[in-house]
């Protein structure tokens, strides 16, 4: 028994979704994490709690509210329809939005920890050398926080690959459009196709182990364990 064309299509769609989600999260998550690590504002608590919500909320809850918001009667759905974009539910774009929200804490929190670990001394030294904020970020913060970026990228990508509840709620089960690996496994099990489910589930298991091995090996190298 080997993987079918539908399985490969689901794998490709999943990898595309995870890659795009990770890039978007690194772009929007970096300023959020940097702000959370530096600010003394009272908004730090509420913003941090909002970012961490996906850690405690059931995926179906997030998917349900996204379904309402992006649907034809939702405020985002009405906006996209007025712009001639239609609704984003049951589309790849909708999957990306749901994945970004659901995987956000897995990117923001490692980045926030990395930025906090830098401390203020390197930034003060950069300021005495009259470095502007962009120079400080790219020449000081980014190199020092590199392990945090690696961890954030790995966790964000892996978490997106393993999504089920959110993608099923907001994207449904449309072949070549919204049917990702987790949904494809579910379909195989529903159809009593356990052999095909074993192949895909086994691939997910190997992938997850490889991701964790890479993550912990990276941490070991950076911290000098052993």
N, C-alpha and C. Protein backbone atom coordinates (compact mmCIF):
# COMPACT_ATOMS: atom_id res chain seq x y z
N UNK A 1 0.85 -1.20 0.00
CA UNK A 1 0.00 0.00 0.00
C UNK A 1 0.88 1.25 0.00
N UNK A 2 0.62 2.18 -0.88
CA UNK A 2 1.37 3.42 -0.95
C UNK A 2 0.42 4.61 -0.86
N UNK A 3 1.00 5.80 -0.80
CA UNK A 3 0.19 7.00 -0.74
C UNK A 3 -0.48 7.27 -2.08
N UNK A 4 -1.72 7.70 -2.04
CA UNK A 4 -2.48 7.99 -3.25
C UNK A 4 -2.21 9.42 -3.70
N UNK A 5 -2.71 9.75 -4.88
CA UNK A 5 -2.57 11.12 -5.38
C UNK A 5 -3.28 12.12 -4.47
N UNK A 6 -4.40 11.70 -3.89
CA UNK A 6 -5.11 12.56 -2.94
C UNK A 6 -4.28 12.81 -1.68
N UNK A 7 -3.55 11.77 -1.24
CA UNK A 7 -2.67 11.92 -0.08
C UNK A 7 -1.55 12.91 -0.37
N UNK A 8 -0.93 12.77 -1.54
CA UNK A 8 0.15 13.69 -1.91
C UNK A 8 -0.37 15.11 -2.06
N UNK A 9 -1.58 15.25 -2.58
CA UNK A 9 -2.17 16.57 -2.70
C UNK A 9 -2.39 17.20 -1.33
N UNK A 10 -2.85 16.39 -0.38
CA UNK A 10 -3.06 16.88 0.99
C UNK A 10 -1.73 17.25 1.64
N UNK A 11 -0.70 16.45 1.39
CA UNK A 11 0.62 16.75 1.94
C UNK A 11 1.15 18.06 1.39
N UNK A 12 1.04 18.24 0.07
CA UNK A 12 1.52 19.47 -0.56
C UNK A 12 0.76 20.68 -0.03
N UNK A 13 -0.54 20.58 0.09
CA UNK A 13 -1.34 21.69 0.59
C UNK A 13 -0.96 22.01 2.04
N UNK A 14 -0.71 20.98 2.83
CA UNK A 14 -0.32 21.18 4.22
C UNK A 14 1.01 21.89 4.32
N UNK A 15 1.99 21.47 3.53
CA UNK A 15 3.31 22.10 3.55
C UNK A 15 3.23 23.54 3.07
N UNK A 16 2.42 23.80 2.06
CA UNK A 16 2.24 25.17 1.58
C UNK A 16 1.60 26.04 2.66
N UNK A 17 0.58 25.50 3.31
CA UNK A 17 -0.10 26.24 4.37
C UNK A 17 0.84 26.52 5.53
N UNK A 18 1.59 25.52 5.96
CA UNK A 18 2.50 25.68 7.10
C UNK A 18 3.61 26.67 6.78
N UNK A 19 4.14 26.62 5.57
CA UNK A 19 5.23 27.53 5.18
C UNK A 19 4.75 28.97 5.15
N UNK A 20 3.61 29.20 4.50
CA UNK A 20 3.08 30.56 4.40
C UNK A 20 2.70 31.10 5.78
N UNK A 21 2.08 30.25 6.59
CA UNK A 21 1.69 30.67 7.95
C UNK A 21 2.91 31.04 8.77
N UNK A 22 3.98 30.26 8.68
CA UNK A 22 5.19 30.53 9.45
C UNK A 22 5.81 31.85 9.04
N UNK A 23 5.89 32.12 7.74
CA UNK A 23 6.46 33.38 7.26
C UNK A 23 5.64 34.56 7.77
N UNK A 24 4.32 34.46 7.65
CA UNK A 24 3.45 35.56 8.11
C UNK A 24 3.60 35.77 9.61
N UNK A 25 3.65 34.68 10.37
CA UNK A 25 3.76 34.80 11.82
C UNK A 25 5.10 35.41 12.24
N UNK A 26 6.17 35.08 11.54
CA UNK A 26 7.46 35.68 11.88
C UNK A 26 7.45 37.18 11.58
N UNK A 27 6.74 37.57 10.53
CA UNK A 27 6.68 39.00 10.18
C UNK A 27 5.85 39.79 11.18
N UNK A 28 4.65 39.29 11.49
CA UNK A 28 3.78 40.05 12.40
C UNK A 28 4.07 39.72 13.86
N UNK A 29 4.62 38.55 14.13
CA UNK A 29 4.89 38.16 15.51
C UNK A 29 6.11 38.82 16.09
N UNK A 30 7.09 39.19 15.24
CA UNK A 30 8.32 39.81 15.74
C UNK A 30 8.06 41.14 16.43
N UNK A 31 7.35 42.10 15.81
CA UNK A 31 7.08 43.35 16.52
C UNK A 31 6.21 43.17 17.76
N UNK A 32 5.27 42.23 17.70
CA UNK A 32 4.43 41.97 18.88
C UNK A 32 5.29 41.44 20.02
N UNK A 33 6.15 40.48 19.72
CA UNK A 33 7.01 39.89 20.75
C UNK A 33 7.99 40.92 21.29
N UNK A 34 8.54 41.75 20.41
CA UNK A 34 9.48 42.78 20.84
C UNK A 34 8.80 43.79 21.75
N UNK A 35 7.58 44.16 21.40
CA UNK A 35 6.83 45.10 22.24
C UNK A 35 6.52 44.48 23.60
N UNK A 36 6.08 43.23 23.60
CA UNK A 36 5.75 42.56 24.86
C UNK A 36 6.98 42.41 25.76
N UNK A 37 8.15 42.25 25.16
CA UNK A 37 9.36 42.06 25.95
C UNK A 37 9.92 43.36 26.51
N UNK A 38 9.49 44.50 25.95
CA UNK A 38 10.08 45.78 26.35
C UNK A 38 9.11 46.71 27.08
N UNK A 39 7.83 46.61 26.77
CA UNK A 39 6.88 47.60 27.27
C UNK A 39 6.59 47.43 28.76
N UNK A 40 6.23 48.55 29.36
CA UNK A 40 5.76 48.57 30.74
C UNK A 40 4.28 48.97 30.80
N UNK A 41 3.65 49.02 29.63
CA UNK A 41 2.27 49.45 29.54
C UNK A 41 1.33 48.45 30.21
N UNK A 42 0.22 48.95 30.70
CA UNK A 42 -0.79 48.09 31.31
C UNK A 42 -1.43 47.16 30.28
N UNK A 43 -1.25 47.50 28.99
CA UNK A 43 -1.81 46.67 27.93
C UNK A 43 -1.01 45.38 27.71
N UNK A 44 0.15 45.29 28.33
CA UNK A 44 0.98 44.11 28.13
C UNK A 44 0.25 42.84 28.56
N UNK A 45 -0.42 42.89 29.70
CA UNK A 45 -1.16 41.72 30.19
C UNK A 45 -2.27 41.30 29.26
N UNK A 46 -3.19 42.21 28.90
CA UNK A 46 -4.28 41.84 27.99
C UNK A 46 -3.78 41.35 26.63
N UNK A 47 -2.78 42.02 26.07
CA UNK A 47 -2.26 41.61 24.76
C UNK A 47 -1.61 40.24 24.85
N UNK A 48 -0.82 40.02 25.92
CA UNK A 48 -0.20 38.71 26.12
C UNK A 48 -1.23 37.61 26.29
N UNK A 49 -2.33 37.93 26.97
CA UNK A 49 -3.39 36.95 27.17
C UNK A 49 -4.09 36.62 25.86
N UNK A 50 -4.30 37.64 25.02
CA UNK A 50 -4.94 37.41 23.73
C UNK A 50 -4.05 36.53 22.85
N UNK A 51 -2.76 36.80 22.85
CA UNK A 51 -1.82 36.00 22.05
C UNK A 51 -1.82 34.55 22.51
N UNK A 52 -1.94 34.34 23.83
CA UNK A 52 -1.85 32.98 24.38
C UNK A 52 -3.18 32.24 24.38
N UNK A 53 -4.27 32.88 24.01
CA UNK A 53 -5.59 32.23 24.04
C UNK A 53 -5.65 30.89 23.32
N UNK A 54 -5.03 30.75 22.14
CA UNK A 54 -5.10 29.45 21.46
C UNK A 54 -4.50 28.29 22.24
N UNK A 55 -3.70 28.59 23.25
CA UNK A 55 -3.12 27.52 24.06
C UNK A 55 -4.15 26.85 24.95
N UNK A 56 -5.21 27.57 25.28
CA UNK A 56 -6.21 27.03 26.21
C UNK A 56 -7.59 26.84 25.59
N UNK A 57 -7.86 27.54 24.48
CA UNK A 57 -9.16 27.41 23.84
C UNK A 57 -9.20 26.16 22.96
N UNK A 58 -10.30 25.43 22.96
CA UNK A 58 -10.45 24.32 22.01
C UNK A 58 -10.38 24.85 20.58
N UNK A 59 -9.72 24.14 19.68
CA UNK A 59 -9.61 24.60 18.29
C UNK A 59 -10.97 24.86 17.65
N UNK A 60 -11.96 24.06 18.01
CA UNK A 60 -13.28 24.24 17.41
C UNK A 60 -13.91 25.57 17.82
N UNK A 61 -13.57 26.08 18.99
CA UNK A 61 -14.10 27.39 19.41
C UNK A 61 -13.53 28.49 18.52
N UNK A 62 -12.21 28.43 18.30
CA UNK A 62 -11.58 29.42 17.41
C UNK A 62 -12.15 29.30 16.01
N UNK A 63 -12.26 28.06 15.54
CA UNK A 63 -12.80 27.84 14.19
C UNK A 63 -14.23 28.33 14.06
N UNK A 64 -15.02 28.14 15.10
CA UNK A 64 -16.42 28.56 15.05
C UNK A 64 -16.54 30.07 14.93
N UNK A 65 -15.80 30.80 15.76
CA UNK A 65 -15.90 32.25 15.71
C UNK A 65 -15.29 32.82 14.43
N UNK A 66 -14.26 32.17 13.91
CA UNK A 66 -13.71 32.59 12.63
C UNK A 66 -14.73 32.34 11.51
N UNK A 67 -15.44 31.22 11.61
CA UNK A 67 -16.47 30.90 10.63
C UNK A 67 -17.54 31.98 10.60
N UNK A 68 -17.93 32.45 11.79
CA UNK A 68 -18.93 33.52 11.86
C UNK A 68 -18.37 34.84 11.33
N UNK A 69 -17.13 35.15 11.70
CA UNK A 69 -16.55 36.43 11.32
C UNK A 69 -16.26 36.51 9.82
N UNK A 70 -15.81 35.40 9.25
CA UNK A 70 -15.44 35.41 7.83
C UNK A 70 -16.60 35.06 6.91
N UNK A 71 -17.70 34.60 7.49
CA UNK A 71 -18.86 34.20 6.69
C UNK A 71 -19.59 35.39 6.08
N UNK A 72 -20.61 35.14 5.29
CA UNK A 72 -21.31 36.22 4.58
C UNK A 72 -21.98 37.23 5.50
N UNK A 73 -22.30 36.83 6.74
CA UNK A 73 -22.95 37.75 7.66
C UNK A 73 -21.99 38.32 8.70
N UNK A 74 -20.74 37.92 8.64
CA UNK A 74 -19.74 38.41 9.59
C UNK A 74 -19.17 39.74 9.15
N UNK A 75 -18.56 40.45 10.09
CA UNK A 75 -18.05 41.78 9.76
C UNK A 75 -16.88 41.70 8.78
N UNK A 76 -16.03 40.68 8.90
CA UNK A 76 -14.95 40.53 7.93
C UNK A 76 -15.50 40.04 6.59
N UNK A 77 -16.45 39.10 6.66
CA UNK A 77 -17.05 38.60 5.44
C UNK A 77 -17.75 39.68 4.65
N UNK A 78 -18.45 40.58 5.33
CA UNK A 78 -19.12 41.67 4.65
C UNK A 78 -18.11 42.62 4.01
N UNK A 79 -16.98 42.83 4.71
CA UNK A 79 -15.94 43.70 4.16
C UNK A 79 -15.33 43.10 2.90
N UNK A 80 -14.98 41.81 2.96
CA UNK A 80 -14.36 41.17 1.78
C UNK A 80 -15.34 41.10 0.60
N UNK A 81 -16.62 40.94 0.91
CA UNK A 81 -17.62 40.93 -0.17
C UNK A 81 -17.76 42.31 -0.80
N UNK A 82 -17.71 43.33 0.02
CA UNK A 82 -17.81 44.69 -0.52
C UNK A 82 -16.61 45.05 -1.38
N UNK A 83 -15.48 44.38 -1.12
CA UNK A 83 -14.26 44.61 -1.90
C UNK A 83 -14.20 43.71 -3.13
N UNK A 84 -15.23 42.89 -3.30
CA UNK A 84 -15.28 42.01 -4.45
C UNK A 84 -14.45 40.75 -4.30
N UNK A 85 -14.08 40.41 -3.05
CA UNK A 85 -13.25 39.24 -2.80
C UNK A 85 -14.07 38.01 -2.41
N UNK A 86 -15.36 38.18 -2.25
CA UNK A 86 -16.19 37.07 -1.78
C UNK A 86 -15.93 36.80 -0.32
N UNK A 87 -16.32 35.64 0.16
CA UNK A 87 -16.06 35.26 1.55
C UNK A 87 -14.82 34.37 1.60
N UNK A 88 -14.15 34.40 2.74
CA UNK A 88 -12.91 33.65 2.89
C UNK A 88 -13.12 32.27 3.52
N UNK A 89 -14.34 31.97 3.90
CA UNK A 89 -14.61 30.64 4.45
C UNK A 89 -14.50 29.60 3.34
N UNK A 90 -14.08 28.40 3.74
CA UNK A 90 -13.92 27.29 2.81
C UNK A 90 -13.00 27.65 1.63
N UNK A 91 -11.92 28.36 1.98
CA UNK A 91 -10.91 28.73 0.99
C UNK A 91 -9.54 28.60 1.62
N UNK A 92 -8.51 28.57 0.78
CA UNK A 92 -7.14 28.48 1.29
C UNK A 92 -6.78 29.73 2.09
N UNK A 93 -7.25 30.89 1.64
CA UNK A 93 -6.99 32.13 2.37
C UNK A 93 -7.58 32.07 3.77
N UNK A 94 -8.76 31.49 3.89
CA UNK A 94 -9.37 31.32 5.21
C UNK A 94 -8.54 30.40 6.09
N UNK A 95 -7.98 29.34 5.50
CA UNK A 95 -7.11 28.44 6.25
C UNK A 95 -5.88 29.19 6.78
N UNK A 96 -5.33 30.06 5.96
CA UNK A 96 -4.15 30.82 6.37
C UNK A 96 -4.48 31.72 7.56
N UNK A 97 -5.62 32.41 7.50
CA UNK A 97 -6.03 33.28 8.60
C UNK A 97 -6.22 32.48 9.88
N UNK A 98 -6.93 31.36 9.78
CA UNK A 98 -7.14 30.52 10.95
C UNK A 98 -5.85 29.97 11.50
N UNK A 99 -4.93 29.58 10.63
CA UNK A 99 -3.66 29.01 11.06
C UNK A 99 -2.79 30.06 11.74
N UNK A 100 -2.81 31.27 11.21
CA UNK A 100 -2.02 32.35 11.82
C UNK A 100 -2.50 32.62 13.25
N UNK A 101 -3.80 32.70 13.43
CA UNK A 101 -4.34 32.96 14.77
C UNK A 101 -4.08 31.79 15.71
N UNK A 102 -4.25 30.57 15.21
CA UNK A 102 -4.13 29.40 16.07
C UNK A 102 -2.68 29.10 16.44
N UNK A 103 -1.73 29.40 15.56
CA UNK A 103 -0.33 29.09 15.84
C UNK A 103 0.44 30.28 16.39
N UNK A 104 -0.21 31.42 16.58
CA UNK A 104 0.49 32.63 17.00
C UNK A 104 1.29 32.46 18.29
N UNK A 105 0.75 31.88 19.36
CA UNK A 105 1.56 31.79 20.58
C UNK A 105 2.81 30.94 20.43
N UNK A 106 2.80 30.00 19.50
CA UNK A 106 3.95 29.14 19.30
C UNK A 106 5.10 29.86 18.60
N UNK A 107 4.82 31.04 18.05
CA UNK A 107 5.85 31.87 17.45
C UNK A 107 6.17 33.07 18.33
N UNK A 108 5.14 33.73 18.83
CA UNK A 108 5.35 34.95 19.61
C UNK A 108 6.07 34.67 20.92
N UNK A 109 5.67 33.64 21.63
CA UNK A 109 6.25 33.39 22.95
C UNK A 109 7.74 33.04 22.90
N UNK A 110 8.21 32.16 21.99
CA UNK A 110 9.67 31.94 21.90
C UNK A 110 10.43 33.21 21.54
N UNK A 111 9.86 34.03 20.66
CA UNK A 111 10.51 35.29 20.29
C UNK A 111 10.55 36.24 21.48
N UNK A 112 9.45 36.31 22.22
CA UNK A 112 9.41 37.18 23.39
C UNK A 112 10.45 36.77 24.42
N UNK A 113 10.57 35.46 24.65
CA UNK A 113 11.58 34.98 25.60
C UNK A 113 12.99 35.30 25.11
N UNK A 114 13.22 35.17 23.81
CA UNK A 114 14.54 35.47 23.26
C UNK A 114 14.87 36.95 23.38
N UNK A 115 13.91 37.81 23.12
CA UNK A 115 14.13 39.25 23.24
C UNK A 115 14.36 39.65 24.70
N UNK A 116 13.60 39.04 25.61
CA UNK A 116 13.76 39.36 27.03
C UNK A 116 15.13 38.94 27.54
N UNK A 117 15.65 37.82 27.01
CA UNK A 117 16.94 37.31 27.46
C UNK A 117 18.10 38.20 27.03
N UNK A 118 17.89 39.03 26.02
CA UNK A 118 18.96 39.92 25.56
C UNK A 118 19.30 40.96 26.62
N UNK A 119 18.28 41.43 27.33
CA UNK A 119 18.51 42.45 28.34
C UNK A 119 18.62 43.83 27.71
N UNK A 120 18.96 44.80 28.53
CA UNK A 120 19.03 46.19 28.06
C UNK A 120 20.45 46.64 27.74
N UNK A 121 21.45 45.94 28.25
CA UNK A 121 22.83 46.39 28.07
C UNK A 121 23.25 46.50 26.60
N UNK A 122 23.01 45.48 25.76
CA UNK A 122 23.39 45.62 24.35
C UNK A 122 22.69 46.78 23.65
N UNK A 123 21.43 47.02 24.04
CA UNK A 123 20.68 48.12 23.42
C UNK A 123 21.23 49.47 23.86
N UNK A 124 21.68 49.56 25.12
CA UNK A 124 22.27 50.80 25.61
C UNK A 124 23.59 51.09 24.91
N UNK A 125 24.37 50.04 24.70
CA UNK A 125 25.64 50.21 23.98
C UNK A 125 25.39 50.69 22.56
N UNK A 126 24.39 50.09 21.90
CA UNK A 126 24.06 50.51 20.54
C UNK A 126 23.60 51.96 20.51
N UNK A 127 22.86 52.37 21.54
CA UNK A 127 22.39 53.75 21.61
C UNK A 127 23.55 54.72 21.77
N UNK A 128 24.56 54.35 22.57
CA UNK A 128 25.72 55.23 22.75
C UNK A 128 26.51 55.38 21.45
N UNK A 129 26.41 54.39 20.57
CA UNK A 129 27.08 54.45 19.26
C UNK A 129 26.20 55.12 18.22
N UNK A 130 25.07 55.67 18.67
CA UNK A 130 24.13 56.40 17.83
C UNK A 130 23.53 55.54 16.72
N UNK A 131 23.29 54.29 17.04
CA UNK A 131 22.63 53.40 16.08
C UNK A 131 21.14 53.71 16.09
N UNK A 132 20.54 53.77 14.90
CA UNK A 132 19.10 54.01 14.83
C UNK A 132 18.37 52.70 15.13
N UNK A 133 17.05 52.76 15.36
CA UNK A 133 16.31 51.54 15.73
C UNK A 133 16.47 50.39 14.75
N UNK A 134 16.50 50.69 13.45
CA UNK A 134 16.64 49.62 12.45
C UNK A 134 18.03 48.98 12.55
N UNK A 135 19.07 49.81 12.70
CA UNK A 135 20.42 49.26 12.85
C UNK A 135 20.52 48.42 14.11
N UNK A 136 19.90 48.89 15.19
CA UNK A 136 19.93 48.15 16.45
C UNK A 136 19.25 46.80 16.31
N UNK A 137 18.13 46.79 15.60
CA UNK A 137 17.40 45.53 15.45
C UNK A 137 18.19 44.54 14.61
N UNK A 138 18.67 44.97 13.44
CA UNK A 138 19.32 44.04 12.52
C UNK A 138 20.76 43.69 12.94
N UNK A 139 21.43 44.60 13.64
CA UNK A 139 22.83 44.36 14.00
C UNK A 139 23.01 43.81 15.41
N UNK A 140 22.02 44.04 16.28
CA UNK A 140 22.16 43.62 17.67
C UNK A 140 21.09 42.60 18.06
N UNK A 141 19.84 43.01 17.96
CA UNK A 141 18.75 42.16 18.44
C UNK A 141 18.62 40.88 17.63
N UNK A 142 18.60 41.01 16.31
CA UNK A 142 18.39 39.85 15.45
C UNK A 142 19.46 38.77 15.63
N UNK A 143 20.75 39.12 15.62
CA UNK A 143 21.76 38.07 15.84
C UNK A 143 21.67 37.42 17.22
N UNK A 144 21.42 38.21 18.25
CA UNK A 144 21.35 37.66 19.61
C UNK A 144 20.10 36.80 19.81
N UNK A 145 19.03 37.11 19.09
CA UNK A 145 17.77 36.37 19.24
C UNK A 145 17.63 35.25 18.22
N UNK A 146 18.68 34.96 17.48
CA UNK A 146 18.60 33.96 16.41
C UNK A 146 18.08 32.60 16.89
N UNK A 147 18.54 32.07 18.03
CA UNK A 147 17.97 30.79 18.51
C UNK A 147 16.46 30.86 18.73
N UNK A 148 15.98 32.01 19.19
CA UNK A 148 14.54 32.17 19.39
C UNK A 148 13.78 32.15 18.08
N UNK A 149 14.36 32.74 17.05
CA UNK A 149 13.72 32.72 15.73
C UNK A 149 13.66 31.30 15.17
N UNK A 150 14.74 30.54 15.38
CA UNK A 150 14.76 29.15 14.90
C UNK A 150 13.68 28.33 15.61
N UNK A 151 13.62 28.48 16.93
CA UNK A 151 12.60 27.77 17.71
C UNK A 151 11.20 28.17 17.29
N UNK A 152 10.97 29.47 17.13
CA UNK A 152 9.65 29.96 16.73
C UNK A 152 9.25 29.43 15.36
N UNK A 153 10.17 29.41 14.42
CA UNK A 153 9.87 28.94 13.07
C UNK A 153 9.53 27.45 13.08
N UNK A 154 10.30 26.67 13.83
CA UNK A 154 10.07 25.23 13.89
C UNK A 154 8.73 24.92 14.54
N UNK A 155 8.46 25.56 15.69
CA UNK A 155 7.22 25.30 16.40
C UNK A 155 6.01 25.79 15.60
N UNK A 156 6.12 26.96 14.99
CA UNK A 156 5.00 27.49 14.21
C UNK A 156 4.68 26.60 13.03
N UNK A 157 5.71 26.14 12.33
CA UNK A 157 5.51 25.26 11.18
C UNK A 157 4.90 23.93 11.61
N UNK A 158 5.49 23.31 12.63
CA UNK A 158 5.02 22.00 13.07
C UNK A 158 3.60 22.06 13.62
N UNK A 159 3.29 23.11 14.35
CA UNK A 159 1.95 23.22 14.92
C UNK A 159 0.90 23.40 13.83
N UNK A 160 1.25 24.14 12.79
CA UNK A 160 0.32 24.32 11.68
C UNK A 160 0.08 23.02 10.94
N UNK A 161 1.14 22.24 10.76
CA UNK A 161 1.01 20.95 10.09
C UNK A 161 0.03 20.04 10.83
N UNK A 162 0.03 20.10 12.15
CA UNK A 162 -0.81 19.22 12.94
C UNK A 162 -2.21 19.72 13.22
N UNK A 163 -2.61 20.86 12.67
CA UNK A 163 -3.94 21.41 12.93
C UNK A 163 -5.04 20.49 12.39
N UNK A 164 -6.16 20.49 13.11
CA UNK A 164 -7.31 19.73 12.63
C UNK A 164 -8.61 20.50 12.85
N UNK A 165 -8.92 20.80 14.10
CA UNK A 165 -10.20 21.42 14.42
C UNK A 165 -10.44 22.74 13.71
N UNK A 166 -9.44 23.63 13.74
CA UNK A 166 -9.61 24.95 13.13
C UNK A 166 -9.78 24.83 11.62
N UNK A 167 -8.90 24.04 10.98
CA UNK A 167 -8.96 23.95 9.52
C UNK A 167 -10.24 23.27 9.05
N UNK A 168 -10.73 22.32 9.82
CA UNK A 168 -11.95 21.63 9.43
C UNK A 168 -13.16 22.56 9.57
N UNK A 169 -13.18 23.37 10.63
CA UNK A 169 -14.30 24.27 10.86
C UNK A 169 -14.36 25.37 9.81
N UNK A 170 -13.21 25.95 9.49
CA UNK A 170 -13.21 27.11 8.62
C UNK A 170 -13.00 26.76 7.16
N UNK A 171 -12.36 25.61 6.89
CA UNK A 171 -12.06 25.25 5.52
C UNK A 171 -12.87 24.09 4.97
N UNK A 172 -13.46 23.32 5.85
CA UNK A 172 -14.20 22.16 5.40
C UNK A 172 -13.28 21.07 4.88
N UNK A 173 -13.73 20.40 3.82
CA UNK A 173 -13.00 19.24 3.33
C UNK A 173 -13.07 19.22 1.80
N UNK A 174 -12.41 20.21 1.19
CA UNK A 174 -12.46 20.35 -0.26
C UNK A 174 -11.14 19.87 -0.86
N UNK A 175 -11.18 18.83 -1.69
CA UNK A 175 -9.94 18.29 -2.27
C UNK A 175 -9.16 19.36 -3.03
N UNK A 176 -7.84 19.34 -2.85
CA UNK A 176 -6.91 20.25 -3.54
C UNK A 176 -7.11 21.72 -3.17
N UNK A 177 -7.95 21.99 -2.20
CA UNK A 177 -8.22 23.37 -1.82
C UNK A 177 -8.11 23.59 -0.32
N UNK A 178 -8.76 22.76 0.47
CA UNK A 178 -8.70 22.92 1.93
C UNK A 178 -8.46 21.60 2.65
N UNK A 179 -8.33 20.50 1.93
CA UNK A 179 -8.15 19.20 2.58
C UNK A 179 -6.67 18.99 2.89
N UNK A 180 -6.31 19.23 4.15
CA UNK A 180 -4.93 19.06 4.59
C UNK A 180 -4.73 17.63 5.11
N UNK A 181 -3.51 17.33 5.55
CA UNK A 181 -3.18 15.96 5.96
C UNK A 181 -4.05 15.46 7.10
N UNK A 182 -4.26 16.28 8.12
CA UNK A 182 -5.04 15.83 9.26
C UNK A 182 -6.48 15.49 8.86
N UNK A 183 -7.05 16.27 7.95
CA UNK A 183 -8.40 15.99 7.47
C UNK A 183 -8.41 14.75 6.59
N UNK A 184 -7.35 14.56 5.81
CA UNK A 184 -7.25 13.39 4.96
C UNK A 184 -7.17 12.10 5.79
N UNK A 185 -6.45 12.14 6.89
CA UNK A 185 -6.39 10.98 7.79
C UNK A 185 -7.78 10.69 8.35
N UNK A 186 -8.47 11.74 8.75
CA UNK A 186 -9.83 11.59 9.27
C UNK A 186 -10.74 10.95 8.23
N UNK A 187 -10.59 11.37 6.98
CA UNK A 187 -11.40 10.79 5.90
C UNK A 187 -11.11 9.30 5.73
N UNK A 188 -9.84 8.93 5.79
CA UNK A 188 -9.46 7.52 5.65
C UNK A 188 -10.08 6.68 6.78
N UNK A 189 -10.03 7.21 7.99
CA UNK A 189 -10.58 6.47 9.13
C UNK A 189 -12.09 6.34 9.00
N UNK A 190 -12.77 7.40 8.58
CA UNK A 190 -14.22 7.34 8.39
C UNK A 190 -14.61 6.31 7.34
N UNK A 191 -13.76 6.17 6.32
CA UNK A 191 -14.04 5.23 5.24
C UNK A 191 -13.51 3.82 5.56
N UNK A 192 -13.03 3.64 6.79
CA UNK A 192 -12.47 2.35 7.22
C UNK A 192 -11.24 1.97 6.40
N UNK A 193 -10.54 2.95 5.86
CA UNK A 193 -9.32 2.71 5.10
C UNK A 193 -8.12 2.85 6.04
N UNK A 194 -7.99 1.89 6.92
CA UNK A 194 -6.98 1.99 7.96
C UNK A 194 -5.56 1.89 7.43
N UNK A 195 -5.35 1.16 6.35
CA UNK A 195 -4.00 1.05 5.79
C UNK A 195 -3.51 2.41 5.30
N UNK A 196 -4.38 3.12 4.56
CA UNK A 196 -4.00 4.44 4.08
C UNK A 196 -3.81 5.41 5.25
N UNK A 197 -4.69 5.28 6.26
CA UNK A 197 -4.55 6.13 7.44
C UNK A 197 -3.23 5.87 8.15
N UNK A 198 -2.81 4.60 8.20
CA UNK A 198 -1.54 4.25 8.83
C UNK A 198 -0.37 4.93 8.11
N UNK A 199 -0.40 4.93 6.78
CA UNK A 199 0.69 5.55 6.03
C UNK A 199 0.80 7.04 6.34
N UNK A 200 -0.31 7.74 6.28
CA UNK A 200 -0.28 9.18 6.54
C UNK A 200 0.02 9.48 8.01
N UNK A 201 -0.62 8.74 8.92
CA UNK A 201 -0.38 8.96 10.34
C UNK A 201 1.07 8.65 10.70
N UNK A 202 1.61 7.60 10.09
CA UNK A 202 3.01 7.27 10.33
C UNK A 202 3.95 8.35 9.83
N UNK A 203 3.61 8.91 8.68
CA UNK A 203 4.42 10.01 8.15
C UNK A 203 4.37 11.21 9.08
N UNK A 204 3.18 11.50 9.63
CA UNK A 204 3.05 12.59 10.59
C UNK A 204 3.85 12.33 11.85
N UNK A 205 3.86 11.07 12.30
CA UNK A 205 4.61 10.71 13.50
C UNK A 205 6.10 10.90 13.28
N UNK A 206 6.59 10.44 12.14
CA UNK A 206 8.01 10.60 11.82
C UNK A 206 8.37 12.09 11.70
N UNK A 207 7.51 12.83 11.04
CA UNK A 207 7.75 14.27 10.88
C UNK A 207 7.81 14.96 12.24
N UNK A 208 6.86 14.66 13.11
CA UNK A 208 6.81 15.30 14.43
C UNK A 208 8.06 14.98 15.24
N UNK A 209 8.48 13.71 15.18
CA UNK A 209 9.70 13.32 15.91
C UNK A 209 10.91 14.06 15.35
N UNK A 210 10.99 14.16 14.01
CA UNK A 210 12.13 14.84 13.39
C UNK A 210 12.16 16.32 13.78
N UNK A 211 10.99 16.95 13.85
CA UNK A 211 10.91 18.36 14.24
C UNK A 211 11.40 18.54 15.68
N UNK A 212 10.91 17.70 16.58
CA UNK A 212 11.32 17.81 17.98
C UNK A 212 12.80 17.51 18.15
N UNK A 213 13.30 16.53 17.39
CA UNK A 213 14.73 16.20 17.46
C UNK A 213 15.57 17.38 17.00
N UNK A 214 15.14 18.02 15.89
CA UNK A 214 15.87 19.19 15.40
C UNK A 214 15.82 20.33 16.41
N UNK A 215 14.65 20.52 17.03
CA UNK A 215 14.49 21.60 18.01
C UNK A 215 15.39 21.39 19.22
N UNK A 216 15.36 20.19 19.81
CA UNK A 216 16.15 19.93 21.00
C UNK A 216 17.64 19.85 20.69
N UNK A 217 17.98 19.38 19.50
CA UNK A 217 19.39 19.36 19.10
C UNK A 217 19.91 20.78 18.94
N UNK A 218 19.07 21.65 18.39
CA UNK A 218 19.45 23.05 18.23
C UNK A 218 19.66 23.70 19.59
N UNK A 219 18.76 23.42 20.53
CA UNK A 219 18.90 24.00 21.88
C UNK A 219 20.15 23.48 22.57
N UNK A 220 20.45 22.20 22.37
CA UNK A 220 21.63 21.62 22.98
C UNK A 220 22.89 22.27 22.45
N UNK A 221 22.91 22.54 21.14
CA UNK A 221 24.08 23.17 20.52
C UNK A 221 24.26 24.59 21.02
N UNK A 222 23.13 25.33 21.10
CA UNK A 222 23.21 26.73 21.50
C UNK A 222 23.59 26.89 22.97
N UNK A 223 23.12 25.98 23.81
CA UNK A 223 23.39 26.13 25.23
C UNK A 223 24.63 25.37 25.67
N UNK A 224 25.18 24.54 24.77
CA UNK A 224 26.39 23.81 25.12
C UNK A 224 26.17 22.66 26.05
N UNK A 225 25.01 22.04 26.03
CA UNK A 225 24.77 20.89 26.88
C UNK A 225 25.76 19.79 26.51
N UNK A 226 26.10 19.00 27.47
CA UNK A 226 26.95 17.86 27.22
C UNK A 226 28.38 18.26 26.90
